[in-house]
Protein backbone atom coordinates (compact mmCIF):
# COMPACT_ATOMS: atom_id res chain seq x y z
CA MET A 1 5.57 15.68 21.22
CA LYS A 2 2.45 17.24 19.76
CA GLY A 3 2.20 14.43 17.18
CA MET A 4 2.64 11.81 19.86
CA PHE A 5 -0.02 13.52 21.94
CA MET A 6 -2.27 13.69 18.88
CA VAL A 7 -1.98 9.93 18.35
CA ALA A 8 -2.35 9.28 22.09
CA ALA A 9 -5.34 11.60 22.32
CA LEU A 10 -7.03 9.79 19.46
CA ALA A 11 -6.29 6.46 21.11
CA LEU A 12 -7.73 7.54 24.45
CA SER A 13 -10.77 9.41 23.19
CA GLY A 14 -13.97 8.38 21.49
CA ALA A 15 -12.33 9.71 18.33
CA ALA A 16 -10.23 6.54 18.30
CA GLN A 17 -13.14 4.83 16.60
CA ALA A 18 -13.33 7.57 13.97
CA ALA A 19 -9.64 8.19 13.27
CA GLN A 20 -8.63 8.93 9.71
CA PRO A 21 -5.44 7.38 8.30
CA GLY A 22 -4.30 10.82 7.14
CA ASP A 23 -4.62 12.17 10.69
CA LEU A 24 -2.52 9.31 12.03
CA LEU A 25 0.07 9.93 9.31
CA ALA A 26 0.20 13.64 10.24
CA GLY A 27 0.71 12.73 13.91
CA TYR A 28 3.56 10.31 13.18
CA GLU A 29 5.14 12.77 10.77
CA ALA A 30 4.98 15.59 13.33
CA GLU A 31 6.47 13.34 16.01
CA ALA A 32 9.29 12.27 13.66
CA ARG A 33 9.96 15.90 12.75
CA ARG A 34 10.85 16.63 16.38
CA ALA A 35 13.66 14.08 16.19
CA GLU A 36 14.68 14.87 12.61
CA ALA A 37 14.18 18.46 11.49
CA GLY A 38 12.48 18.72 8.12
CA PHE A 39 11.31 15.09 8.12
CA ARG A 40 8.66 14.30 5.53
CA ALA A 41 7.09 10.88 5.20
CA SER A 42 8.20 9.03 2.08
CA ALA A 43 6.09 6.42 0.30
CA SER A 44 9.20 5.01 -1.40
CA ARG A 45 11.01 4.58 1.93
CA GLY A 46 7.82 3.05 3.33
CA GLU A 47 7.66 0.51 0.51
CA GLN A 48 11.33 -0.42 1.00
CA PHE A 49 10.84 -0.76 4.75
CA PHE A 50 7.69 -2.89 4.28
CA ASN A 51 9.48 -5.35 1.99
CA ALA A 52 12.84 -5.55 3.83
CA ARG A 53 13.67 -8.36 6.26
CA HIS A 54 15.69 -6.10 8.64
CA GLY A 55 18.08 -8.91 9.51
CA GLY A 56 15.33 -11.26 10.68
CA GLU A 57 13.26 -14.01 9.19
CA TRP A 58 10.20 -11.90 8.29
CA SER A 59 9.31 -8.66 6.57
CA CYS A 60 5.94 -6.91 6.83
CA ALA A 61 5.18 -8.39 3.40
CA SER A 62 5.76 -11.92 4.74
CA CYS A 63 2.31 -11.79 6.31
CA HIS A 64 0.55 -8.87 4.61
CA GLY A 65 1.64 -9.63 1.03
CA ASN A 66 3.01 -7.34 -1.61
CA PRO A 67 1.05 -5.39 -2.53
CA PRO A 68 -0.93 -5.51 0.72
CA VAL A 69 -4.33 -5.17 -0.96
CA GLY A 70 -5.38 -8.83 -0.73
CA GLN A 71 -5.88 -11.17 2.16
CA GLY A 72 -2.63 -11.99 3.92
CA LYS A 73 -1.64 -14.98 6.00
CA HIS A 74 0.44 -15.04 9.19
CA ALA A 75 3.79 -16.60 8.31
CA LYS A 76 3.93 -18.76 11.46
CA THR A 77 0.31 -19.56 12.37
CA GLY A 78 -1.28 -19.44 8.92
CA LYS A 79 -4.11 -17.28 10.32
CA ALA A 80 -5.87 -15.16 7.68
CA ILE A 81 -5.14 -11.43 7.80
CA ALA A 82 -7.53 -8.89 6.25
CA PRO A 83 -6.02 -6.57 3.62
CA LEU A 84 -3.73 -3.96 5.16
CA ALA A 85 -4.04 -1.13 2.64
CA PRO A 86 -6.87 1.26 3.56
CA ALA A 87 -7.95 1.38 -0.10
CA ALA A 88 -8.75 -2.35 0.13
CA ASN A 89 -10.01 -2.35 3.73
CA ALA A 90 -11.70 0.78 5.10
CA GLU A 91 -11.40 -0.53 8.67
CA ARG A 92 -7.59 -0.35 8.59
CA PHE A 93 -6.11 2.65 10.37
CA ALA A 94 -9.55 3.77 11.56
CA ASP A 95 -8.89 3.13 15.27
CA ALA A 96 -5.75 4.74 16.69
CA ALA A 97 -5.54 2.33 19.64
CA LYS A 98 -5.61 -0.68 17.31
CA VAL A 99 -3.04 0.93 15.04
CA GLU A 100 -0.64 1.38 17.95
CA LYS A 101 -1.33 -2.15 19.23
CA TRP A 102 -0.53 -3.74 15.87
CA PHE A 103 2.49 -1.52 15.15
CA ARG A 104 3.86 -2.54 18.57
CA ARG A 105 3.32 -6.26 17.95
CA ASN A 106 4.34 -6.39 14.32
CA CYS A 107 7.39 -4.16 14.66
CA ASN A 108 8.61 -6.36 17.48
CA ASP A 109 8.13 -9.46 15.28
CA VAL A 110 9.87 -7.96 12.24
CA LEU A 111 12.48 -5.67 13.84
CA SER A 112 12.82 -7.06 17.38
CA ARG A 113 12.15 -3.49 18.56
CA ALA A 114 9.51 -0.78 18.38
CA CYS A 115 9.09 1.11 15.11
CA THR A 116 10.10 4.75 15.16
CA PRO A 117 7.56 7.45 14.33
CA SER A 118 9.40 8.04 11.03
CA GLU A 119 9.13 4.35 10.10
CA LYS A 120 5.42 4.37 10.92
CA ALA A 121 4.93 7.56 8.89
CA ASP A 122 6.79 6.17 5.88
CA VAL A 123 4.87 2.88 5.86
CA LEU A 124 1.55 4.65 6.29
CA ALA A 125 2.46 7.11 3.49
CA TRP A 126 3.07 4.13 1.19
CA LEU A 127 -0.12 2.36 2.23
CA LEU A 128 -2.13 5.53 1.54
CA LYS A 129 -0.51 6.06 -1.87
């Protein structure tokens, strides 16, 4: 729970505006480790997850592109989406509350459920690679 509390604390504090992607990754990884002993985030699993359709119509890449370093476009509305990778967009993963908001929305769209901490950690590990 420490990782979950770390992410929640960042989201609820003034530090939410100054979160670092690596700190968020560490929080998700720690939370996942409580459910799966020895868990370590994997960039390769994150890339596979990002590009997979998971039984639905969309993947993460459907809107964010592959690689996610350029401007994306929402698959349904056509709305422009700023680059997802932090290397291409320093504002990504800099606000823990926004990160949680968008994981919640996008995971529901792609998976029809919430992402697990291990899925979040893997995707973030790939995006930070």
